[in-house]
Amino acid sequence: MRVEKFEGEKEVVKTEYTESDLKAELNFYLSDKFIQDLFLLDEISLEEYRKIRRENIKRFRPILSELLL
């Protein structure tokens, strides 16, 4: 096995989140939990769950939204 030196150091930038960002994150989490419960109780279909979740991601813009889509 050959070991090479890593030369591509990148500076890590600390992201500052506002109170608004954190409220949106909380609102997304609570909304997502609610629709998960509805789905598990067979109140909504999988298709409806996915549609509502996509809309919530667009509306609340959670911090890791790129990973959720």
C-alpha atoms as a PDB file:
ATOM      1  CA  MET A   1       0.000   0.000   0.000  1.00  0.00           C
ATOM      2  CA  ARG A   2       1.276   3.433  -0.917  1.00  0.00           C
ATOM      3  CA  VAL A   3       0.779   6.429   1.391  1.00  0.00           C
ATOM      4  CA  GLU A   4       0.766   9.920  -0.065  1.00  0.00           C
ATOM      5  CA  LYS A   5       0.947  13.225   1.730  1.00  0.00           C
ATOM      6  CA  PHE A   6      -2.278  15.207   1.731  1.00  0.00           C
ATOM      7  CA  GLU A   7      -1.525  18.751   0.632  1.00  0.00           C
ATOM      8  CA  GLY A   8      -4.999  20.136   0.030  1.00  0.00           C
ATOM      9  CA  GLU A   9      -5.690  21.741   3.392  1.00  0.00           C
ATOM     10  CA  LYS A  10      -8.820  23.820   3.520  1.00  0.00           C
ATOM     11  CA  GLU A  11      -9.707  26.256   6.219  1.00  0.00           C
ATOM     12  CA  VAL A  12     -12.739  25.188   8.202  1.00  0.00           C
ATOM     13  CA  VAL A  13     -15.211  28.030   8.503  1.00  0.00           C
ATOM     14  CA  LYS A  14     -17.462  28.089  11.525  1.00  0.00           C
ATOM     15  CA  THR A  15     -21.054  28.748  10.536  1.00  0.00           C
ATOM     16  CA  GLU A  16     -23.045  31.095  12.721  1.00  0.00           C
ATOM     17  CA  TYR A  17     -26.734  30.274  12.952  1.00  0.00           C
ATOM     18  CA  THR A  18     -29.304  32.899  13.792  1.00  0.00           C
ATOM     19  CA  GLU A  19     -32.253  32.443  16.087  1.00  0.00           C
ATOM     20  CA  SER A  20     -34.439  32.404  12.979  1.00  0.00           C
ATOM     21  CA  ASP A  21     -32.402  29.504  11.526  1.00  0.00           C
ATOM     22  CA  LEU A  22     -32.790  27.518  14.727  1.00  0.00           C
ATOM     23  CA  LYS A  23     -36.534  28.204  14.916  1.00  0.00           C
ATOM     24  CA  ALA A  24     -36.948  27.011  11.326  1.00  0.00           C
ATOM     25  CA  GLU A  25     -34.983  23.868  12.203  1.00  0.00           C
ATOM     26  CA  LEU A  26     -37.216  23.196  15.203  1.00  0.00           C
ATOM     27  CA  ASN A  27     -40.390  23.844  13.206  1.00  0.00           C
ATOM     28  CA  PHE A  28     -39.215  21.457  10.504  1.00  0.00           C
ATOM     29  CA  TYR A  29     -38.427  18.758  13.065  1.00  0.00           C
ATOM     30  CA  LEU A  30     -41.811  19.106  14.792  1.00  0.00           C
ATOM     31  CA  SER A  31     -43.681  19.117  11.501  1.00  0.00           C
ATOM     32  CA  ASP A  32     -41.738  16.101  10.257  1.00  0.00           C
ATOM     33  CA  LYS A  33     -42.429  14.204  13.468  1.00  0.00           C
ATOM     34  CA  PHE A  34     -46.136  14.986  13.143  1.00  0.00           C
ATOM     35  CA  ILE A  35     -46.413  13.726   9.559  1.00  0.00           C
ATOM     36  CA  GLN A  36     -44.363  10.628  10.457  1.00  0.00           C
ATOM     37  CA  ASP A  37     -46.900   9.857  13.164  1.00  0.00           C
ATOM     38  CA  LEU A  38     -49.769  10.360  10.717  1.00  0.00           C
ATOM     39  CA  PHE A  39     -48.096   7.988   8.282  1.00  0.00           C
ATOM     40  CA  LEU A  40     -47.445   5.343  10.936  1.00  0.00           C
ATOM     41  CA  LEU A  41     -51.096   5.527  11.997  1.00  0.00           C
ATOM     42  CA  ASP A  42     -52.150   5.006   8.360  1.00  0.00           C
ATOM     43  CA  GLU A  43     -53.817   8.416   8.256  1.00  0.00           C
ATOM     44  CA  ILE A  44     -51.812   9.450   5.182  1.00  0.00           C
ATOM     45  CA  SER A  45     -50.229   7.436   2.387  1.00  0.00           C
ATOM     46  CA  LEU A  46     -46.511   7.176   1.662  1.00  0.00           C
ATOM     47  CA  GLU A  47     -46.998   9.392  -1.384  1.00  0.00           C
ATOM     48  CA  GLU A  48     -48.730  12.057   0.723  1.00  0.00           C
ATOM     49  CA  TYR A  49     -46.018  11.799   3.379  1.00  0.00           C
ATOM     50  CA  ARG A  50     -43.272  12.350   0.808  1.00  0.00           C
ATOM     51  CA  LYS A  51     -45.110  15.250  -0.821  1.00  0.00           C
ATOM     52  CA  ILE A  52     -45.712  17.020   2.501  1.00  0.00           C
ATOM     53  CA  ARG A  53     -42.119  16.412   3.582  1.00  0.00           C
ATOM     54  CA  ARG A  54     -40.735  17.925   0.356  1.00  0.00           C
ATOM     55  CA  GLU A  55     -42.935  20.981   0.864  1.00  0.00           C
ATOM     56  CA  ASN A  56     -41.765  21.312   4.471  1.00  0.00           C
ATOM     57  CA  ILE A  57     -38.134  21.149   3.374  1.00  0.00           C
ATOM     58  CA  LYS A  58     -38.789  23.948   0.882  1.00  0.00           C
ATOM     59  CA  ARG A  59     -40.673  26.025   3.440  1.00  0.00           C
ATOM     60  CA  PHE A  60     -38.502  25.619   6.541  1.00  0.00           C
ATOM     61  CA  ARG A  61     -35.106  25.158   4.834  1.00  0.00           C
ATOM     62  CA  PRO A  62     -33.502  22.993   7.526  1.00  0.00           C
ATOM     63  CA  ILE A  63     -29.735  23.303   7.912  1.00  0.00           C
ATOM     64  CA  LEU A  64     -28.972  20.034   6.111  1.00  0.00           C
ATOM     65  CA  SER A  65     -31.755  20.313   3.541  1.00  0.00           C
ATOM     66  CA  GLU A  66     -29.447  19.323   0.664  1.00  0.00           C
ATOM     67  CA  LEU A  67     -29.088  15.884   2.237  1.00  0.00           C
ATOM     68  CA  LEU A  68     -32.816  15.452   2.816  1.00  0.00           C
ATOM     69  CA  LEU A  69     -33.983  15.838  -0.773  1.00  0.00           C
END
